[in-house]
Amino acid sequence: MAIFFQTQKRHHPPRKAKYFCPYCHNALYRWKEQTLLTIYKCGNDHCPAFLKALSKLNASEKQLQKKKLSQFKLRYQYREYHFQPSSLKHSTPDKPKINLDRIHHRSDILGLVLAFHISCAITARKTAFILRNVFNVPISYQTVLNYAESAAYHCHLFNLQRKGPIDPISSADETYIKIQGKHHFVFFFISTKSLKITAYHLADNREVLPATIAMTEAIRTAPPDQKLTVITDANPSYAAAIHFLNALRDPLPPLTHHKVIGLQNLDEESTEFRIYKQIIERLNRTYKSHVRPTHGFNVRNGAMALTTLFVTHYNFLRPHMTLNYNVPIPLPELDSITSLQGKWMKILSMAIPSAA
């Protein structure tokens, strides 16, 4: 009987692993690859992190895990992002073609336009109708839109500069609007105690990059050593954004993340933090009441302008019952002004030097 044997030992070139598990030191394999990030996962069944997470499952969860491996996140994962901090640019209104210092109408008419169109959530056509037929001001609905876009350009920087410090707990969510018939998303962050909007970002998707941009702006004014907690829903974009920002914050205190899942409290985390999630849900409903009369937008800048001026109204002009009918960000310059249009004009006079 012939015996075959290998005369030379096979040579296996070493694998060029990019990342290794910090718990078992095994090489991570590429699990998912997307446009903005690549996720690597540890496949070692004897990894201490995997065994510890597996031991926390009860009997029914272990049976479910055998049938649906993706039901529970038990293995160590590492996310490699394909964008840099320099690419995290907040959405902004376009530079206007109209100079508010050279408009044909008096400044108080501009204040009335913003009071009706933004604060009272009246459409541009109805605002022009009211000004023509009640105040005898000859104005078109297109002029109303032009004034709003010009005011938004100046108020945007004013919103970001005047928001001040944030609370230790923030809540975040995204809501959709339609631009040219297609869904776009506005990411909001709100401080849960002062009720100030700390970030608003318009994007055409709900993925990691827009969530990271909005979160970066939300925490921008926080002291470096402040411990921050973010409450969101189960959208994985927020968890990925926190993972990215925590890598940049080292050695500062990391961001803490809590998820509120669904409409019912089926877990302890949702039960404890749902009260904060409800704050951002109320904000979304308020924003929708301002956006709904428009029935969508024809251009992106129109949506950005209305969103920007809504934030100005919400933070500086809109009284809140839970704040004893005070505004989230009081401005001493507005204390002596009683009319809403007068307050809008004062804000614009303060905002225009800021934008310049």
Protein backbone atom coordinates (compact mmCIF):
# COMPACT_ATOMS: atom_id res chain seq x y z
CA MET A 1 0.00 0.00 0.00
CA ALA A 2 1.38 3.32 -1.06
CA ILE A 3 1.70 5.99 1.58
CA PHE A 4 1.48 9.57 0.46
CA PHE A 5 2.89 12.24 2.63
CA GLN A 6 3.76 15.89 2.31
CA THR A 7 7.43 16.37 1.65
CA GLN A 8 7.37 20.08 2.40
CA LYS A 9 5.50 21.98 5.05
CA ARG A 10 2.85 24.28 3.62
CA HIS A 11 3.45 27.93 4.03
CA HIS A 12 0.42 29.98 5.20
CA PRO A 13 1.00 33.71 4.78
CA PRO A 14 -0.05 35.63 7.89
CA ARG A 15 -3.43 37.29 7.70
CA LYS A 16 -3.30 41.06 7.64
CA ALA A 17 -5.88 41.81 10.28
CA LYS A 18 -6.78 45.47 10.65
CA TYR A 19 -8.38 45.42 14.11
CA PHE A 20 -8.27 43.07 17.08
CA CYS A 21 -10.71 42.39 19.88
CA PRO A 22 -9.61 44.14 23.11
CA TYR A 23 -11.02 41.24 25.20
CA CYS A 24 -9.66 38.10 23.52
CA HIS A 25 -7.15 39.67 21.08
CA ASN A 26 -8.55 37.73 18.13
CA ALA A 27 -8.69 39.38 14.75
CA LEU A 28 -11.97 41.10 13.89
CA TYR A 29 -13.68 40.28 10.62
CA ARG A 30 -15.48 42.73 8.38
CA TRP A 31 -19.17 42.26 9.15
CA LYS A 32 -20.99 45.14 7.44
CA GLU A 33 -19.76 47.77 5.02
CA GLN A 34 -21.71 50.95 4.30
CA THR A 35 -20.97 54.25 2.64
CA LEU A 36 -20.18 56.05 5.88
CA LEU A 37 -18.80 53.26 8.06
CA THR A 38 -17.54 49.69 8.20
CA ILE A 39 -18.40 47.44 11.14
CA TYR A 40 -15.97 44.77 12.33
CA LYS A 41 -17.03 41.96 14.66
CA CYS A 42 -15.30 39.42 16.89
CA GLY A 43 -16.21 35.85 15.90
CA ASN A 44 -14.52 34.06 18.79
CA ASP A 45 -17.03 31.88 20.69
CA HIS A 46 -14.71 31.88 23.72
CA CYS A 47 -14.35 35.67 23.88
CA PRO A 48 -14.89 36.91 27.48
CA ALA A 49 -17.13 39.74 26.23
CA PHE A 50 -19.34 37.30 24.31
CA LEU A 51 -19.55 34.81 27.21
CA LYS A 52 -20.43 37.57 29.68
CA ALA A 53 -23.19 38.95 27.44
CA LEU A 54 -24.50 35.43 26.79
CA SER A 55 -24.69 34.66 30.51
CA LYS A 56 -27.04 37.60 31.05
CA LEU A 57 -29.73 36.07 28.81
CA ASN A 58 -32.53 34.10 30.42
CA ALA A 59 -33.66 30.69 29.18
CA SER A 60 -36.24 31.99 26.70
CA GLU A 61 -33.82 34.58 25.33
CA LYS A 62 -31.17 31.90 24.83
CA GLN A 63 -33.63 29.80 22.82
CA LEU A 64 -34.54 32.85 20.74
CA GLN A 65 -30.88 33.65 20.22
CA LYS A 66 -30.27 30.19 18.74
CA LYS A 67 -33.03 30.74 16.17
CA LYS A 68 -32.29 34.40 15.43
CA LEU A 69 -28.62 35.13 15.85
CA SER A 70 -29.07 38.84 15.11
CA GLN A 71 -31.74 39.31 17.78
CA PHE A 72 -29.16 40.18 20.46
CA LYS A 73 -25.90 42.07 20.13
CA LEU A 74 -23.57 39.81 22.08
CA ARG A 75 -20.26 40.07 20.27
CA TYR A 76 -17.77 42.91 20.39
CA GLN A 77 -18.06 45.30 17.45
CA TYR A 78 -15.83 48.08 16.21
CA ARG A 79 -16.99 50.81 13.84
CA GLU A 80 -14.61 52.39 11.34
CA TYR A 81 -15.99 55.71 10.11
CA HIS A 82 -15.33 57.07 6.65
CA PHE A 83 -15.71 60.73 7.53
CA GLN A 84 -13.64 63.21 9.49
CA PRO A 85 -14.66 65.82 12.09
CA SER A 86 -13.98 68.52 9.50
CA SER A 87 -16.84 67.17 7.34
CA LEU A 88 -19.43 67.64 10.09
CA LYS A 89 -21.04 70.77 8.66
CA HIS A 90 -24.35 71.95 10.04
CA SER A 91 -27.03 72.77 7.47
CA THR A 92 -27.48 76.51 6.93
CA PRO A 93 -29.86 78.76 4.98
CA ASP A 94 -28.59 80.10 1.66
CA LYS A 95 -27.30 83.64 1.44
CA PRO A 96 -30.29 85.80 0.47
CA LYS A 97 -30.63 87.97 -2.61
CA ILE A 98 -32.58 90.60 -0.67
CA ASN A 99 -30.95 93.07 1.69
CA LEU A 100 -33.30 93.62 4.62
CA ASP A 101 -31.93 97.15 5.04
CA ARG A 102 -33.19 98.08 1.57
CA ILE A 103 -36.65 96.54 1.38
CA HIS A 104 -39.55 98.60 0.03
CA HIS A 105 -41.71 98.23 3.13
CA ARG A 106 -41.20 99.70 6.58
CA SER A 107 -39.42 97.64 9.20
CA ASP A 108 -42.62 97.11 11.18
CA ILE A 109 -44.14 95.40 8.13
CA LEU A 110 -41.26 92.93 8.16
CA GLY A 111 -42.01 92.31 11.83
CA LEU A 112 -45.68 91.64 11.00
CA VAL A 113 -44.66 89.21 8.27
CA LEU A 114 -42.58 87.16 10.71
CA ALA A 115 -45.20 87.39 13.46
CA PHE A 116 -47.95 86.02 11.22
CA HIS A 117 -45.97 83.64 9.03
CA ILE A 118 -43.67 82.15 11.71
CA SER A 119 -45.08 82.75 15.19
CA CYS A 120 -48.71 82.19 14.18
CA ALA A 121 -47.87 79.46 11.64
CA ILE A 122 -49.88 81.10 8.85
CA THR A 123 -49.00 80.31 5.25
CA ALA A 124 -47.27 82.91 3.06
CA ARG A 125 -50.40 83.34 0.92
CA LYS A 126 -52.66 83.93 3.95
CA THR A 127 -50.07 86.26 5.50
CA ALA A 128 -50.04 88.37 2.34
CA PHE A 129 -53.87 88.27 2.26
CA ILE A 130 -54.09 89.53 5.87
CA LEU A 131 -51.59 92.32 5.28
CA ARG A 132 -53.36 93.47 2.10
CA ASN A 133 -56.94 93.29 3.35
CA VAL A 134 -56.59 94.07 7.07
CA PHE A 135 -53.56 96.36 7.22
CA ASN A 136 -53.86 97.74 3.66
CA VAL A 137 -50.24 96.80 2.90
CA PRO A 138 -49.61 95.89 -0.76
CA ILE A 139 -47.49 92.75 -0.55
CA SER A 140 -47.33 89.44 -2.42
CA TYR A 141 -46.88 85.98 -0.99
CA GLN A 142 -43.53 85.69 -2.81
CA THR A 143 -42.33 88.79 -0.96
CA VAL A 144 -43.35 87.12 2.30
CA LEU A 145 -41.21 84.10 1.39
CA ASN A 146 -38.30 86.32 0.35
CA TYR A 147 -38.42 88.21 3.64
CA ALA A 148 -38.51 84.94 5.59
CA GLU A 149 -35.51 83.50 3.74
CA SER A 150 -33.52 86.70 4.29
CA ALA A 151 -34.40 86.79 7.99
CA ALA A 152 -33.50 83.10 8.39
CA TYR A 153 -30.01 83.66 7.01
CA HIS A 154 -29.29 86.17 9.78
CA CYS A 155 -31.17 84.33 12.54
CA HIS A 156 -29.33 81.04 11.99
CA LEU A 157 -26.01 82.25 13.37
CA PHE A 158 -27.91 84.14 16.07
CA ASN A 159 -29.57 80.88 17.18
CA LEU A 160 -26.25 79.06 17.45
CA GLN A 161 -24.43 81.90 19.21
CA ARG A 162 -27.16 82.64 21.75
CA LYS A 163 -28.19 79.12 22.80
CA GLY A 164 -25.78 79.10 25.76
CA PRO A 165 -24.88 76.03 27.88
CA ILE A 166 -26.92 72.85 27.68
CA ASP A 167 -28.52 70.67 30.34
CA PRO A 168 -26.94 67.40 31.52
CA ILE A 169 -29.75 65.45 29.81
CA SER A 170 -30.71 66.05 26.19
CA SER A 171 -33.33 64.34 24.08
CA ALA A 172 -33.04 63.80 20.33
CA ASP A 173 -35.26 62.69 17.50
CA GLU A 174 -35.82 63.26 13.80
CA THR A 175 -39.05 64.12 12.02
CA TYR A 176 -39.76 64.08 8.31
CA ILE A 177 -40.82 66.83 5.94
CA LYS A 178 -41.34 66.75 2.18
CA ILE A 179 -39.25 68.69 -0.32
CA GLN A 180 -40.31 68.30 -3.94
CA GLY A 181 -42.39 65.32 -2.88
CA LYS A 182 -39.47 63.43 -1.31
CA HIS A 183 -38.89 62.74 2.37
CA HIS A 184 -36.24 64.77 4.15
CA PHE A 185 -35.49 64.71 7.86
CA VAL A 186 -34.94 67.39 10.50
CA PHE A 187 -32.84 66.27 13.47
CA PHE A 188 -33.70 68.08 16.70
CA PHE A 189 -31.87 68.08 20.04
CA ILE A 190 -33.52 69.71 23.06
CA SER A 191 -32.34 70.33 26.61
CA THR A 192 -34.83 68.59 28.87
CA LYS A 193 -34.84 71.15 31.69
CA SER A 194 -34.55 74.54 29.98
CA LEU A 195 -36.47 73.25 26.90
CA LYS A 196 -34.14 75.07 24.51
CA ILE A 197 -33.47 73.63 21.07
CA THR A 198 -29.71 73.07 20.93
CA ALA A 199 -29.39 71.67 17.39
CA TYR A 200 -31.45 71.40 14.21
CA HIS A 201 -30.09 69.80 11.07
CA LEU A 202 -31.83 69.16 7.75
CA ALA A 203 -30.77 66.09 5.73
CA ASP A 204 -32.12 63.78 3.06
CA ASN A 205 -31.55 60.61 5.15
CA ARG A 206 -31.61 59.31 8.73
CA GLU A 207 -28.13 57.77 8.73
CA VAL A 208 -25.04 58.23 10.86
CA LEU A 209 -23.60 61.41 9.33
CA PRO A 210 -26.59 63.76 9.90
CA ALA A 211 -27.10 62.33 13.40
CA THR A 212 -23.43 62.98 14.19
CA ILE A 213 -23.61 66.52 12.80
CA ALA A 214 -26.64 67.39 14.92
CA MET A 215 -25.16 65.81 18.05
CA THR A 216 -21.87 67.64 17.57
CA GLU A 217 -23.68 70.98 17.46
CA ALA A 218 -25.88 70.04 20.43
CA ILE A 219 -22.92 69.45 22.75
CA ARG A 220 -20.71 72.22 21.33
CA THR A 221 -21.43 74.70 24.13
CA ALA A 222 -21.18 72.18 26.98
CA PRO A 223 -18.24 72.55 29.39
CA PRO A 224 -15.50 69.99 28.61
CA ASP A 225 -15.91 68.17 31.93
CA GLN A 226 -19.73 68.09 31.90
CA LYS A 227 -21.31 64.63 32.04
CA LEU A 228 -23.87 64.43 29.26
CA THR A 229 -26.70 61.98 28.67
CA VAL A 230 -28.58 61.62 25.39
CA ILE A 231 -32.05 60.07 25.17
CA THR A 232 -33.13 58.76 21.76
CA ASP A 233 -35.27 56.10 20.14
CA ALA A 234 -33.86 52.86 18.72
CA ASN A 235 -32.51 54.45 15.54
CA PRO A 236 -28.97 52.95 15.34
CA SER A 237 -27.62 56.19 13.85
CA TYR A 238 -27.57 57.80 17.30
CA ALA A 239 -25.61 54.95 18.89
CA ALA A 240 -23.08 55.11 16.05
CA ALA A 241 -22.81 58.90 16.40
CA ILE A 242 -22.14 58.60 20.14
CA HIS A 243 -19.52 55.95 19.46
CA PHE A 244 -17.78 58.30 17.02
CA LEU A 245 -17.90 61.34 19.35
CA ASN A 246 -16.76 59.39 22.41
CA ALA A 247 -13.64 58.36 20.51
CA LEU A 248 -12.90 62.05 19.98
CA ARG A 249 -13.75 63.07 23.55
CA ASP A 250 -11.16 60.86 25.24
CA PRO A 251 -10.09 61.58 28.00
CA LEU A 252 -13.20 63.74 28.61
CA PRO A 253 -16.27 62.12 30.19
CA PRO A 254 -17.98 59.98 27.53
CA LEU A 255 -21.52 60.60 26.36
CA THR A 256 -24.08 58.31 27.97
CA HIS A 257 -26.83 56.93 25.77
CA HIS A 258 -30.26 55.59 26.73
CA LYS A 259 -32.83 54.27 24.26
CA VAL A 260 -36.60 54.47 24.60
CA ILE A 261 -38.14 51.78 22.43
CA GLY A 262 -41.67 51.75 21.05
CA LEU A 263 -44.82 53.25 22.53
CA GLN A 264 -45.05 50.98 25.58
CA ASN A 265 -42.67 50.51 28.49
CA LEU A 266 -41.56 46.92 27.93
CA ASP A 267 -38.13 47.29 29.53
CA GLU A 268 -36.66 49.15 32.49
CA GLU A 269 -34.67 51.60 30.41
CA SER A 270 -37.71 52.74 28.44
CA THR A 271 -39.72 53.08 31.64
CA GLU A 272 -37.12 55.26 33.33
CA PHE A 273 -36.32 57.60 30.44
CA ARG A 274 -39.59 57.86 28.52
CA ILE A 275 -40.43 61.13 30.28
CA TYR A 276 -37.47 62.74 28.49
CA LYS A 277 -38.39 61.17 25.15
CA GLN A 278 -41.86 62.69 25.44
CA ILE A 279 -40.31 66.17 25.51
CA ILE A 280 -38.82 65.77 22.05
CA GLU A 281 -42.06 64.19 20.81
CA ARG A 282 -43.97 67.31 21.90
CA LEU A 283 -41.40 69.45 20.10
CA ASN A 284 -41.93 67.42 16.93
CA ARG A 285 -45.68 67.97 17.14
CA THR A 286 -45.19 71.71 17.61
CA TYR A 287 -42.83 71.83 14.64
CA LYS A 288 -45.29 69.85 12.53
CA SER A 289 -48.04 72.36 13.32
CA HIS A 290 -45.83 75.06 11.77
CA VAL A 291 -44.81 72.97 8.75
CA ARG A 292 -48.10 71.27 7.93
CA PRO A 293 -49.84 74.36 6.45
CA THR A 294 -47.15 74.58 3.76
CA HIS A 295 -48.05 71.13 2.35
CA GLY A 296 -44.39 70.54 1.53
CA PHE A 297 -41.64 72.68 0.05
CA ASN A 298 -40.54 73.29 -3.52
CA VAL A 299 -36.93 74.05 -2.62
CA ARG A 300 -34.63 72.96 0.17
CA ASN A 301 -33.82 76.52 1.24
CA GLY A 302 -37.49 77.18 1.94
CA ALA A 303 -37.57 74.27 4.37
CA MET A 304 -34.32 75.38 5.98
CA ALA A 305 -35.55 78.96 6.34
CA LEU A 306 -38.80 77.95 8.01
CA THR A 307 -37.00 75.53 10.34
CA THR A 308 -34.46 78.18 11.34
CA LEU A 309 -37.09 80.81 12.09
CA PHE A 310 -39.16 78.23 13.97
CA VAL A 311 -36.17 77.63 16.27
CA THR A 312 -35.78 81.40 16.77
CA HIS A 313 -39.45 81.65 17.68
CA TYR A 314 -39.33 78.56 19.94
CA ASN A 315 -36.19 79.53 21.87
CA PHE A 316 -36.63 83.30 22.24
CA LEU A 317 -40.30 84.20 21.74
CA ARG A 318 -42.59 81.29 22.63
CA PRO A 319 -43.66 81.10 26.32
CA HIS A 320 -43.78 77.63 27.87
CA MET A 321 -46.27 76.66 30.56
CA THR A 322 -43.73 74.35 32.26
CA LEU A 323 -41.34 77.33 32.50
CA ASN A 324 -44.00 79.50 34.22
CA TYR A 325 -44.78 81.04 30.82
CA ASN A 326 -41.21 82.15 30.29
CA VAL A 327 -39.19 81.51 27.14
CA PRO A 328 -36.37 78.91 27.09
CA ILE A 329 -33.71 81.57 26.41
CA PRO A 330 -34.68 84.97 27.88
CA LEU A 331 -33.21 88.04 26.20
CA PRO A 332 -33.07 91.17 28.40
CA GLU A 333 -33.25 93.29 25.24
CA LEU A 334 -36.83 92.12 24.70
CA ASP A 335 -38.18 92.85 28.19
CA SER A 336 -39.45 96.34 27.36
CA ILE A 337 -41.03 95.33 24.03
CA THR A 338 -44.66 94.26 24.23
CA SER A 339 -45.59 93.48 20.61
CA LEU A 340 -44.56 90.30 18.85
CA GLN A 341 -43.56 92.12 15.68
CA GLY A 342 -41.44 94.49 17.75
CA LYS A 343 -39.61 91.56 19.31
CA TRP A 344 -38.93 90.08 15.89
CA MET A 345 -37.45 93.35 14.70
CA LYS A 346 -35.26 93.61 17.79
CA ILE A 347 -33.96 90.08 17.26
CA LEU A 348 -33.16 90.91 13.64
CA SER A 349 -31.33 94.07 14.66
CA MET A 350 -29.23 91.94 17.01
CA ALA A 351 -28.79 89.12 14.51
CA ILE A 352 -27.70 91.06 11.43
CA PRO A 353 -24.37 92.20 12.96
CA SER A 354 -23.82 88.58 14.06
CA ALA A 355 -24.27 87.30 10.52
CA ALA A 356 -21.99 89.94 9.10
